[in-house]
Amino acid sequence: MLRIVRTPDGRLALDAARRAGGRGGYLHRQSACWVEFARRKGLVRSLRAPADRAVRSALVTELECRAEGKA
């Protein structure tokens, strides 16, 4: 599972060390789950915060780059 957190500026970020403060949420490592996550809109329940599709898509793009070894 991948831990994600919401940064103070409203972005979603990967918490690879699983040590970031505050609320976090988890996402499967499977790319199919990333696509479904990006497609949703509104509140991210585990973070108790809104995250629109653009914010979600940015996180998915980062995850895809990491999976391909680009980052």
PDB file of N, CA and C in Angstrom:
ATOM      1  N   MET A   1       0.841  -1.174   0.000  1.00  0.00           N
ATOM      2  CA  MET A   1       0.000   0.000   0.000  1.00  0.00           C
ATOM      3  C   MET A   1       0.889   1.241   0.000  1.00  0.00           C
ATOM      4  N   LEU A   2       0.435   2.264  -0.693  1.00  0.00           N
ATOM      5  CA  LEU A   2       1.134   3.538  -0.764  1.00  0.00           C
ATOM      6  C   LEU A   2       0.413   4.540   0.131  1.00  0.00           C
ATOM      7  N   ARG A   3       1.148   5.232   0.969  1.00  0.00           N
ATOM      8  CA  ARG A   3       0.545   6.229   1.844  1.00  0.00           C
ATOM      9  C   ARG A   3       0.591   7.582   1.152  1.00  0.00           C
ATOM     10  N   ILE A   4      -0.550   8.261   1.164  1.00  0.00           N
ATOM     11  CA  ILE A   4      -0.618   9.606   0.604  1.00  0.00           C
ATOM     12  C   ILE A   4      -1.052  10.563   1.706  1.00  0.00           C
ATOM     13  N   VAL A   5      -0.583  11.800   1.595  1.00  0.00           N
ATOM     14  CA  VAL A   5      -0.943  12.840   2.551  1.00  0.00           C
ATOM     15  C   VAL A   5      -1.328  14.101   1.781  1.00  0.00           C
ATOM     16  N   ARG A   6      -2.028  14.970   2.436  1.00  0.00           N
ATOM     17  CA  ARG A   6      -2.381  16.264   1.847  1.00  0.00           C
ATOM     18  C   ARG A   6      -1.440  17.302   2.423  1.00  0.00           C
ATOM     19  N   THR A   7      -0.772  18.029   1.549  1.00  0.00           N
ATOM     20  CA  THR A   7       0.177  19.049   1.981  1.00  0.00           C
ATOM     21  C   THR A   7      -0.586  20.323   2.368  1.00  0.00           C
ATOM     22  N   PRO A   8       0.044  21.216   3.124  1.00  0.00           N
ATOM     23  CA  PRO A   8      -0.632  22.457   3.512  1.00  0.00           C
ATOM     24  C   PRO A   8      -1.114  23.302   2.329  1.00  0.00           C
ATOM     25  N   ASP A   9      -0.448  23.186   1.182  1.00  0.00           N
ATOM     26  CA  ASP A   9      -0.885  23.960   0.010  1.00  0.00           C
ATOM     27  C   ASP A   9      -1.964  23.250  -0.810  1.00  0.00           C
ATOM     28  N   GLY A  10      -2.468  22.107  -0.329  1.00  0.00           N
ATOM     29  CA  GLY A  10      -3.594  21.428  -0.967  1.00  0.00           C
ATOM     30  C   GLY A  10      -3.241  20.326  -1.940  1.00  0.00           C
ATOM     31  N   ARG A  11      -1.952  20.088  -2.169  1.00  0.00           N
ATOM     32  CA  ARG A  11      -1.562  19.002  -3.074  1.00  0.00           C
ATOM     33  C   ARG A  11      -1.650  17.668  -2.339  1.00  0.00           C
ATOM     34  N   LEU A  12      -1.708  16.601  -3.101  1.00  0.00           N
ATOM     35  CA  LEU A  12      -1.585  15.256  -2.544  1.00  0.00           C
ATOM     36  C   LEU A  12      -0.172  14.792  -2.832  1.00  0.00           C
ATOM     37  N   ALA A  13       0.471  14.187  -1.845  1.00  0.00           N
ATOM     38  CA  ALA A  13       1.852  13.762  -2.021  1.00  0.00           C
ATOM     39  C   ALA A  13       2.038  12.349  -1.489  1.00  0.00           C
ATOM     40  N   LEU A  14       2.962  11.653  -2.090  1.00  0.00           N
ATOM     41  CA  LEU A  14       3.331  10.318  -1.660  1.00  0.00           C
ATOM     42  C   LEU A  14       4.180  10.423  -0.406  1.00  0.00           C
ATOM     43  N   ASP A  15       3.871   9.638   0.593  1.00  0.00           N
ATOM     44  CA  ASP A  15       4.644   9.597   1.837  1.00  0.00           C
ATOM     45  C   ASP A  15       5.350   8.249   1.896  1.00  0.00           C
ATOM     46  N   ALA A  16       6.446   8.139   1.147  1.00  0.00           N
ATOM     47  CA  ALA A  16       7.157   6.868   1.019  1.00  0.00           C
ATOM     48  C   ALA A  16       7.700   6.372   2.360  1.00  0.00           C
ATOM     49  N   ALA A  17       8.141   7.288   3.219  1.00  0.00           N
ATOM     50  CA  ALA A  17       8.698   6.904   4.518  1.00  0.00           C
ATOM     51  C   ALA A  17       7.612   6.617   5.550  1.00  0.00           C
ATOM     52  N   ARG A  18       6.363   6.977   5.217  1.00  0.00           N
ATOM     53  CA  ARG A  18       5.221   6.792   6.123  1.00  0.00           C
ATOM     54  C   ARG A  18       5.445   7.486   7.460  1.00  0.00           C
ATOM     55  N   ARG A  19       6.018   8.668   7.400  1.00  0.00           N
ATOM     56  CA  ARG A  19       6.299   9.405   8.629  1.00  0.00           C
ATOM     57  C   ARG A  19       5.772  10.837   8.623  1.00  0.00           C
ATOM     58  N   ALA A  20       5.119  11.241   7.560  1.00  0.00           N
ATOM     59  CA  ALA A  20       4.599  12.608   7.486  1.00  0.00           C
ATOM     60  C   ALA A  20       3.509  12.794   8.534  1.00  0.00           C
ATOM     61  N   GLY A  21       3.482  13.968   9.101  1.00  0.00           N
ATOM     62  CA  GLY A  21       2.484  14.256  10.130  1.00  0.00           C
ATOM     63  C   GLY A  21       1.104  14.434   9.539  1.00  0.00           C
ATOM     64  N   GLY A  22       0.124  14.384  10.372  1.00  0.00           N
ATOM     65  CA  GLY A  22      -1.248  14.599   9.932  1.00  0.00           C
ATOM     66  C   GLY A  22      -1.916  13.344   9.423  1.00  0.00           C
ATOM     67  N   ARG A  23      -3.097  13.562   8.877  1.00  0.00           N
ATOM     68  CA  ARG A  23      -3.884  12.440   8.368  1.00  0.00           C
ATOM     69  C   ARG A  23      -3.303  11.916   7.078  1.00  0.00           C
ATOM     70  N   GLY A  24      -3.395  10.634   6.899  1.00  0.00           N
ATOM     71  CA  GLY A  24      -2.922   9.999   5.681  1.00  0.00           C
ATOM     72  C   GLY A  24      -3.963   9.026   5.166  1.00  0.00           C
ATOM     73  N   GLY A  25      -3.797   8.649   3.932  1.00  0.00           N
ATOM     74  CA  GLY A  25      -4.665   7.658   3.320  1.00  0.00           C
ATOM     75  C   GLY A  25      -3.812   6.668   2.565  1.00  0.00           C
ATOM     76  N   TYR A  26      -4.389   5.560   2.192  1.00  0.00           N
ATOM     77  CA  TYR A  26      -3.629   4.516   1.510  1.00  0.00           C
ATOM     78  C   TYR A  26      -4.247   4.203   0.159  1.00  0.00           C
ATOM     79  N   LEU A  27      -3.377   3.873  -0.767  1.00  0.00           N
ATOM     80  CA  LEU A  27      -3.770   3.551  -2.135  1.00  0.00           C
ATOM     81  C   LEU A  27      -2.999   2.302  -2.553  1.00  0.00           C
ATOM     82  N   HIS A  28      -3.690   1.376  -3.212  1.00  0.00           N
ATOM     83  CA  HIS A  28      -3.020   0.158  -3.680  1.00  0.00           C
ATOM     84  C   HIS A  28      -1.888   0.492  -4.652  1.00  0.00           C
ATOM     85  N   ARG A  29      -0.956  -0.395  -4.797  1.00  0.00           N
ATOM     86  CA  ARG A  29       0.169  -0.217  -5.717  1.00  0.00           C
ATOM     87  C   ARG A  29      -0.190  -0.531  -7.166  1.00  0.00           C
ATOM     88  N   GLN A  30      -1.391  -1.020  -7.404  1.00  0.00           N
ATOM     89  CA  GLN A  30      -1.816  -1.389  -8.750  1.00  0.00           C
ATOM     90  C   GLN A  30      -2.258  -0.156  -9.532  1.00  0.00           C
ATOM     91  N   SER A  31      -1.791  -0.038 -10.772  1.00  0.00           N
ATOM     92  CA  SER A  31      -2.120   1.136 -11.577  1.00  0.00           C
ATOM     93  C   SER A  31      -3.617   1.252 -11.858  1.00  0.00           C
ATOM     94  N   ALA A  32      -4.337   0.144 -11.869  1.00  0.00           N
ATOM     95  CA  ALA A  32      -5.788   0.197 -12.077  1.00  0.00           C
ATOM     96  C   ALA A  32      -6.465   0.976 -10.944  1.00  0.00           C
ATOM     97  N   CYS A  33      -5.955   0.848  -9.745  1.00  0.00           N
ATOM     98  CA  CYS A  33      -6.504   1.582  -8.604  1.00  0.00           C
ATOM     99  C   CYS A  33      -6.190   3.071  -8.719  1.00  0.00           C
ATOM    100  N   TRP A  34      -5.034   3.406  -9.293  1.00  0.00           N
ATOM    101  CA  TRP A  34      -4.653   4.811  -9.480  1.00  0.00           C
ATOM    102  C   TRP A  34      -5.609   5.478 -10.449  1.00  0.00           C
ATOM    103  N   VAL A  35      -5.951   4.764 -11.526  1.00  0.00           N
ATOM    104  CA  VAL A  35      -6.859   5.313 -12.533  1.00  0.00           C
ATOM    105  C   VAL A  35      -8.225   5.585 -11.912  1.00  0.00           C
ATOM    106  N   GLU A  36      -8.723   4.660 -11.139  1.00  0.00           N
ATOM    107  CA  GLU A  36     -10.019   4.836 -10.478  1.00  0.00           C
ATOM    108  C   GLU A  36      -9.964   5.996  -9.482  1.00  0.00           C
ATOM    109  N   PHE A  37      -8.877   6.116  -8.755  1.00  0.00           N
ATOM    110  CA  PHE A  37      -8.689   7.214  -7.798  1.00  0.00           C
ATOM    111  C   PHE A  37      -8.722   8.559  -8.533  1.00  0.00           C
ATOM    112  N   ALA A  38      -8.048   8.662  -9.673  1.00  0.00           N
ATOM    113  CA  ALA A  38      -7.999   9.911 -10.437  1.00  0.00           C
ATOM    114  C   ALA A  38      -9.367  10.260 -11.023  1.00  0.00           C
ATOM    115  N   ARG A  39     -10.170   9.270 -11.318  1.00  0.00           N
ATOM    116  CA  ARG A  39     -11.478   9.489 -11.936  1.00  0.00           C
ATOM    117  C   ARG A  39     -12.492  10.069 -10.946  1.00  0.00           C
ATOM    118  N   ARG A  40     -12.337   9.780  -9.690  1.00  0.00           N
ATOM    119  CA  ARG A  40     -13.289  10.256  -8.688  1.00  0.00           C
ATOM    120  C   ARG A  40     -13.175  11.761  -8.505  1.00  0.00           C
ATOM    121  N   LYS A  41     -14.153  12.317  -7.826  1.00  0.00           N
ATOM    122  CA  LYS A  41     -14.113  13.737  -7.522  1.00  0.00           C
ATOM    123  C   LYS A  41     -14.604  13.944  -6.092  1.00  0.00           C
ATOM    124  N   GLY A  42     -14.324  15.104  -5.563  1.00  0.00           N
ATOM    125  CA  GLY A  42     -14.827  15.437  -4.240  1.00  0.00           C
ATOM    126  C   GLY A  42     -13.887  15.051  -3.119  1.00  0.00           C
ATOM    127  N   LEU A  43     -14.469  14.738  -2.000  1.00  0.00           N
ATOM    128  CA  LEU A  43     -13.760  14.502  -0.748  1.00  0.00           C
ATOM    129  C   LEU A  43     -12.954  13.204  -0.772  1.00  0.00           C
ATOM    130  N   VAL A  44     -11.743  13.271  -0.242  1.00  0.00           N
ATOM    131  CA  VAL A  44     -10.963  12.063   0.013  1.00  0.00           C
ATOM    132  C   VAL A  44     -11.261  11.734   1.472  1.00  0.00           C
ATOM    133  N   ARG A  45     -12.105  10.742   1.684  1.00  0.00           N
ATOM    134  CA  ARG A  45     -12.607  10.461   3.029  1.00  0.00           C
ATOM    135  C   ARG A  45     -11.517  10.257   4.061  1.00  0.00           C
ATOM    136  N   SER A  46     -10.495   9.476   3.728  1.00  0.00           N
ATOM    137  CA  SER A  46      -9.462   9.182   4.710  1.00  0.00           C
ATOM    138  C   SER A  46      -8.694  10.434   5.128  1.00  0.00           C
ATOM    139  N   LEU A  47      -8.622  11.424   4.238  1.00  0.00           N
ATOM    140  CA  LEU A  47      -7.918  12.666   4.559  1.00  0.00           C
ATOM    141  C   LEU A  47      -8.859  13.732   5.096  1.00  0.00           C
ATOM    142  N   ARG A  48     -10.156  13.481   4.972  1.00  0.00           N
ATOM    143  CA  ARG A  48     -11.180  14.443   5.369  1.00  0.00           C
ATOM    144  C   ARG A  48     -10.940  15.799   4.718  1.00  0.00           C
ATOM    145  N   ALA A  49     -10.609  15.748   3.439  1.00  0.00           N
ATOM    146  CA  ALA A  49     -10.305  16.972   2.699  1.00  0.00           C
ATOM    147  C   ALA A  49     -10.716  16.814   1.242  1.00  0.00           C
ATOM    148  N   PRO A  50     -11.115  17.911   0.601  1.00  0.00           N
ATOM    149  CA  PRO A  50     -11.453  17.839  -0.816  1.00  0.00           C
ATOM    150  C   PRO A  50     -10.197  17.739  -1.677  1.00  0.00           C
ATOM    151  N   ALA A  51     -10.329  17.048  -2.792  1.00  0.00           N
ATOM    152  CA  ALA A  51      -9.242  16.955  -3.769  1.00  0.00           C
ATOM    153  C   ALA A  51      -9.892  16.780  -5.132  1.00  0.00           C
ATOM    154  N   ASP A  52      -9.799  17.811  -5.957  1.00  0.00           N
ATOM    155  CA  ASP A  52     -10.446  17.725  -7.264  1.00  0.00           C
ATOM    156  C   ASP A  52      -9.674  16.791  -8.193  1.00  0.00           C
ATOM    157  N   ARG A  53     -10.219  16.582  -9.372  1.00  0.00           N
ATOM    158  CA  ARG A  53      -9.621  15.630 -10.310  1.00  0.00           C
ATOM    159  C   ARG A  53      -8.219  16.037 -10.744  1.00  0.00           C
ATOM    160  N   ALA A  54      -7.971  17.332 -10.872  1.00  0.00           N
ATOM    161  CA  ALA A  54      -6.640  17.792 -11.287  1.00  0.00           C
ATOM    162  C   ALA A  54      -5.590  17.433 -10.240  1.00  0.00           C
ATOM    163  N   VAL A  55      -5.926  17.587  -8.972  1.00  0.00           N
ATOM    164  CA  VAL A  55      -5.000  17.247  -7.884  1.00  0.00           C
ATOM    165  C   VAL A  55      -4.753  15.749  -7.865  1.00  0.00           C
ATOM    166  N   ARG A  56      -5.809  14.976  -8.020  1.00  0.00           N
ATOM    167  CA  ARG A  56      -5.678  13.512  -8.042  1.00  0.00           C
ATOM    168  C   ARG A  56      -4.852  13.053  -9.242  1.00  0.00           C
ATOM    169  N   SER A  57      -5.106  13.661 -10.395  1.00  0.00           N
ATOM    170  CA  SER A  57      -4.373  13.292 -11.608  1.00  0.00           C
ATOM    171  C   SER A  57      -2.886  13.596 -11.475  1.00  0.00           C
ATOM    172  N   ALA A  58      -2.553  14.705 -10.819  1.00  0.00           N
ATOM    173  CA  ALA A  58      -1.148  15.056 -10.609  1.00  0.00           C
ATOM    174  C   ALA A  58      -0.453  13.989  -9.769  1.00  0.00           C
ATOM    175  N   LEU A  59      -1.123  13.488  -8.745  1.00  0.00           N
ATOM    176  CA  LEU A  59      -0.540  12.426  -7.915  1.00  0.00           C
ATOM    177  C   LEU A  59      -0.368  11.151  -8.731  1.00  0.00           C
ATOM    178  N   VAL A  60      -1.358  10.799  -9.524  1.00  0.00           N
ATOM    179  CA  VAL A  60      -1.281   9.586 -10.344  1.00  0.00           C
ATOM    180  C   VAL A  60      -0.138   9.697 -11.352  1.00  0.00           C
ATOM    181  N   THR A  61       0.045  10.867 -11.935  1.00  0.00           N
ATOM    182  CA  THR A  61       1.154  11.082 -12.864  1.00  0.00           C
ATOM    183  C   THR A  61       2.490  10.863 -12.160  1.00  0.00           C
ATOM    184  N   GLU A  62       2.611  11.386 -10.944  1.00  0.00           N
ATOM    185  CA  GLU A  62       3.841  11.188 -10.165  1.00  0.00           C
ATOM    186  C   GLU A  62       4.067   9.704  -9.882  1.00  0.00           C
ATOM    187  N   LEU A  63       3.020   8.991  -9.515  1.00  0.00           N
ATOM    188  CA  LEU A  63       3.133   7.558  -9.224  1.00  0.00           C
ATOM    189  C   LEU A  63       3.545   6.778 -10.472  1.00  0.00           C
ATOM    190  N   GLU A  64       2.975   7.132 -11.618  1.00  0.00           N
ATOM    191  CA  GLU A  64       3.325   6.457 -12.861  1.00  0.00           C
ATOM    192  C   GLU A  64       4.777   6.693 -13.236  1.00  0.00           C
ATOM    193  N   CYS A  65       5.254   7.912 -13.045  1.00  0.00           N
ATOM    194  CA  CYS A  65       6.676   8.219 -13.329  1.00  0.00           C
ATOM    195  C   CYS A  65       7.591   7.415 -12.422  1.00  0.00           C
ATOM    196  N   ARG A  66       7.232   7.318 -11.154  1.00  0.00           N
ATOM    197  CA  ARG A  66       8.047   6.539 -10.219  1.00  0.00           C
ATOM    198  C   ARG A  66       8.045   5.063 -10.589  1.00  0.00           C
ATOM    199  N   ALA A  67       6.888   4.568 -11.032  1.00  0.00           N
ATOM    200  CA  ALA A  67       6.785   3.164 -11.408  1.00  0.00           C
ATOM    201  C   ALA A  67       7.643   2.848 -12.630  1.00  0.00           C
ATOM    202  N   GLU A  68       7.795   3.828 -13.517  1.00  0.00           N
ATOM    203  CA  GLU A  68       8.601   3.641 -14.710  1.00  0.00           C
ATOM    204  C   GLU A  68      10.074   3.912 -14.444  1.00  0.00           C
ATOM    205  N   GLY A  69      10.401   4.362 -13.235  1.00  0.00           N
ATOM    206  CA  GLY A  69      11.786   4.619 -12.871  1.00  0.00           C
ATOM    207  C   GLY A  69      12.303   5.961 -13.301  1.00  0.00           C
ATOM    208  N   LYS A  70      11.394   6.888 -13.615  1.00  0.00           N
ATOM    209  CA  LYS A  70      11.820   8.210 -14.059  1.00  0.00           C
ATOM    210  C   LYS A  70      12.068   9.166 -12.915  1.00  0.00           C
ATOM    211  N   ALA A  71      11.559   8.857 -11.742  1.00  0.00           N
ATOM    212  CA  ALA A  71      11.728   9.803 -10.632  1.00  0.00           C
ATOM    213  C   ALA A  71      12.352   9.124  -9.441  1.00  0.00           C
TER     214      ALA A  71
END
